[in-house]
Each structure stands twice: as C-alpha cells, then as structure tokens.
Amino acid sequence: MAKAPVVKNILEIRGTLPAKALIHFTASQWKALTGRMVVSRIRPKYGVGLAGYPIPGGDILAQPVCIENPCEICRAPRSGFGRDGIMTLECVCRPDRERCPQDPPPPPSSPLCVLRIRRTGARIGLTCDSQGCTRSCRVGVVQDQGRWLISCLCR
C-alpha cells in the first residue's frame, strides 16, 4: 500500500523535507507570496518550479517540480530551510536513453536561475538568483487549469 504524503505548513518545516512531503500554504500565506506577481502566459522551458494546487477553503498544497526536456529524466530533491532561512529548489537530471536513444541534446549544465524560498519569522518570500543568466532572473507565475506554477525566468 502506498504511503500517504506528509503535509507540512511552510512555517512548520524544519530540517530536511521528506520525499513525499507536500508544502501547505494557507490562503493568506499564498496571497502574500504571490500577491505582487504578475500572472504570465510564458511557461518556462526547463528548470525548477513550485507547483501549487488549490484545495477547498482557499489553501494551497505545493511541491517542487522539474520542468524537463523530452530527452531527460529529472527529480526535485527535497531540502528544508537552512540556518539562513533559505530553501533552495533544484532539479537533478540525466539523459533518458529510452525516449531518446540517439545522442539526446545535452540538458543545460546548470540552471540559469535558482528558485529560493526565504523565510524570516512568519514572512515568506521568493527570489531568483542568477547562475549564468545573461541579463536577469525574475520570479514568474503561470496559472494553468487551476494549478499554479512559480518558476524563475531568465531574461
């Protein structure tokens, strides 16, 4: 029998987040996190994101997700908040030889932008930090069929 996922509110996360954990945001926490973001139609082509799914009552259950190209397999390892109050979301990818047996195009050597959740007391924020983006990284949010996807956009 499959284990039910662990649900932890963003303010209750300590140490490493279990692999099957879902991050809970109250409606007010989610609004504070995304309230100033402009909803975009631009979907990222690769990288890491935070997918949020609405539940009854207006709260959100979220999890880190990888936006992968068709020739790779990715996973989003879980971490918790470090002593600095930062949780870095990242993807670890490898080529998928079954879907693309002919030399697949190599995935980017590293993400161009890194998505980080910053927590200071009860305040939560998102930042994107450049790791080779030619201009700047900014947080973007897309709403698609009721699901939210927050990611970094390299411009």
Protein backbone atom coordinates (compact mmCIF):
# COMPACT_ATOMS: atom_id res chain seq x y z
CA MET A 1 0.00 0.00 0.00
CA ALA A 2 1.32 3.45 -0.91
CA LYS A 3 2.08 5.82 1.92
CA ALA A 4 0.06 9.00 2.16
CA PRO A 5 2.08 12.16 1.63
CA VAL A 6 3.18 14.19 4.62
CA VAL A 7 1.70 17.69 4.66
CA LYS A 8 3.66 20.44 6.40
CA ASN A 9 2.83 24.11 6.56
CA ILE A 10 5.63 26.28 5.18
CA LEU A 11 6.22 27.77 8.64
CA GLU A 12 6.49 24.33 10.29
CA ILE A 13 9.24 22.93 8.07
CA ARG A 14 12.42 22.16 9.99
CA GLY A 15 15.38 20.19 8.70
CA THR A 16 15.02 18.03 5.59
CA LEU A 17 11.62 17.80 3.94
CA PRO A 18 10.55 14.14 3.45
CA ALA A 19 10.50 12.91 -0.18
CA LYS A 20 6.71 12.55 -0.26
CA ALA A 21 6.04 15.83 1.55
CA LEU A 22 3.63 18.44 0.28
CA ILE A 23 4.09 22.03 1.36
CA HIS A 24 0.92 23.63 2.74
CA PHE A 25 0.26 27.35 2.36
CA THR A 26 -2.77 28.98 3.94
CA ALA A 27 -4.74 31.23 1.62
CA SER A 28 -3.22 34.31 3.27
CA GLN A 29 0.33 32.91 3.06
CA TRP A 30 -0.12 32.14 -0.65
CA LYS A 31 -1.57 35.59 -1.31
CA ALA A 32 1.37 37.22 0.49
CA LEU A 33 3.76 35.07 -1.56
CA THR A 34 2.19 35.66 -4.98
CA GLY A 35 0.15 38.83 -4.48
CA ARG A 36 2.56 41.18 -6.26
CA MET A 37 3.44 38.76 -9.05
CA VAL A 38 2.03 39.35 -12.50
CA VAL A 39 0.41 36.19 -13.85
CA SER A 40 2.12 35.38 -17.12
CA ARG A 41 1.41 33.16 -20.10
CA ILE A 42 5.07 32.38 -20.54
CA ARG A 43 5.76 28.81 -19.47
CA PRO A 44 9.37 28.00 -18.67
CA LYS A 45 11.09 25.50 -20.97
CA TYR A 46 13.25 23.88 -18.29
CA GLY A 47 14.37 24.34 -14.74
CA VAL A 48 12.71 24.03 -11.38
CA GLY A 49 9.35 25.29 -10.26
CA LEU A 50 6.96 25.24 -7.36
CA ALA A 51 3.61 23.75 -8.42
CA GLY A 52 0.67 24.79 -6.27
CA TYR A 53 -2.70 23.04 -6.23
CA PRO A 54 -5.74 24.72 -4.65
CA ILE A 55 -7.71 22.76 -2.06
CA PRO A 56 -11.10 23.55 -0.52
CA GLY A 57 -11.01 26.59 1.74
CA GLY A 58 -8.58 28.51 -0.46
CA ASP A 59 -5.38 26.92 0.84
CA ILE A 60 -2.66 25.58 -1.48
CA LEU A 61 -0.68 22.34 -1.46
CA ALA A 62 2.62 22.75 -3.29
CA GLN A 63 5.62 20.69 -4.30
CA PRO A 64 8.87 21.33 -6.15
CA VAL A 65 8.71 20.12 -9.76
CA CYS A 66 11.19 19.81 -12.59
CA ILE A 67 10.40 21.21 -15.99
CA GLU A 68 12.37 18.82 -18.15
CA ASN A 69 13.04 18.45 -21.83
CA PRO A 70 11.71 15.27 -23.52
CA CYS A 71 15.13 13.60 -23.54
CA GLU A 72 15.85 13.69 -19.84
CA ILE A 73 14.63 12.32 -16.53
CA CYS A 74 14.68 14.71 -13.60
CA ARG A 75 13.87 14.69 -9.93
CA ALA A 76 13.49 17.52 -7.46
CA PRO A 77 15.33 16.52 -4.29
CA ARG A 78 13.81 17.88 -1.13
CA SER A 79 15.61 20.08 1.31
CA GLY A 80 14.47 22.13 4.23
CA PHE A 81 15.31 25.61 5.39
CA GLY A 82 18.95 26.15 6.29
CA ARG A 83 20.13 28.24 9.21
CA ASP A 84 19.98 31.24 6.87
CA GLY A 85 16.20 30.76 6.44
CA ILE A 86 16.54 29.77 2.78
CA MET A 87 15.22 26.67 0.98
CA THR A 88 16.77 26.22 -2.47
CA LEU A 89 14.70 24.35 -5.04
CA GLU A 90 16.67 22.47 -7.67
CA CYS A 91 16.49 19.66 -10.22
CA VAL A 92 18.89 16.80 -10.79
CA CYS A 93 18.64 15.47 -14.37
CA ARG A 94 20.14 12.73 -16.53
CA PRO A 95 19.66 11.76 -20.20
CA ASP A 96 16.76 9.37 -20.93
CA ARG A 97 18.20 6.80 -23.33
CA GLU A 98 14.84 5.01 -23.72
CA ARG A 99 12.96 8.00 -25.10
CA CYS A 100 15.94 9.42 -26.96
CA PRO A 101 18.40 6.62 -27.80
CA GLN A 102 20.21 8.78 -30.36
CA ASP A 103 22.54 11.22 -28.63
CA PRO A 104 19.95 13.49 -26.99
CA PRO A 105 20.68 17.17 -26.77
CA PRO A 106 22.52 17.78 -23.53
CA PRO A 107 20.49 19.48 -20.82
CA PRO A 108 21.78 22.83 -19.62
CA SER A 109 24.88 22.28 -17.49
CA SER A 110 23.25 24.09 -14.60
CA PRO A 111 20.06 26.03 -14.12
CA LEU A 112 20.38 29.59 -15.30
CA CYS A 113 18.31 30.79 -12.36
CA VAL A 114 17.80 29.22 -8.94
CA LEU A 115 14.45 29.49 -7.15
CA ARG A 116 14.68 30.10 -3.42
CA ILE A 117 12.08 30.38 -0.70
CA ARG A 118 13.18 32.79 2.02
CA ARG A 119 11.60 32.69 5.45
CA THR A 120 12.11 35.33 8.11
CA GLY A 121 9.90 34.66 11.10
CA ALA A 122 6.37 34.45 9.68
CA ARG A 123 7.30 36.27 6.45
CA ILE A 124 7.82 34.22 3.31
CA GLY A 125 9.29 35.39 0.03
CA LEU A 126 10.57 34.02 -3.27
CA THR A 127 13.73 35.05 -5.05
CA CYS A 128 15.51 34.02 -8.20
CA ASP A 129 19.27 34.16 -8.21
CA SER A 130 21.26 34.13 -11.44
CA GLN A 131 23.71 31.35 -12.17
CA GLY A 132 24.65 32.38 -15.66
CA CYS A 133 21.54 34.14 -16.91
CA THR A 134 22.70 36.76 -19.42
CA ARG A 135 20.50 39.57 -18.14
CA SER A 136 18.41 38.96 -15.06
CA CYS A 137 16.31 36.36 -13.30
CA ARG A 138 12.81 37.15 -12.15
CA VAL A 139 10.06 35.18 -10.50
CA GLY A 140 7.22 34.28 -12.83
CA VAL A 141 3.87 32.67 -12.15
CA VAL A 142 1.58 30.87 -14.58
CA GLN A 143 -1.93 29.71 -13.78
CA ASP A 144 -2.99 26.72 -15.86
CA GLN A 145 -6.24 24.81 -15.35
CA GLY A 146 -6.41 25.89 -11.71
CA ARG A 147 -2.81 24.90 -10.95
CA TRP A 148 -0.16 27.50 -10.18
CA LEU A 149 3.42 27.18 -11.40
CA ILE A 150 6.02 29.53 -9.94
CA SER A 151 9.43 29.47 -11.59
CA CYS A 152 12.37 31.64 -12.47
CA LEU A 153 12.52 33.27 -15.86
CA CYS A 154 15.90 34.12 -17.34
CA ARG A 155 15.76 37.27 -19.44
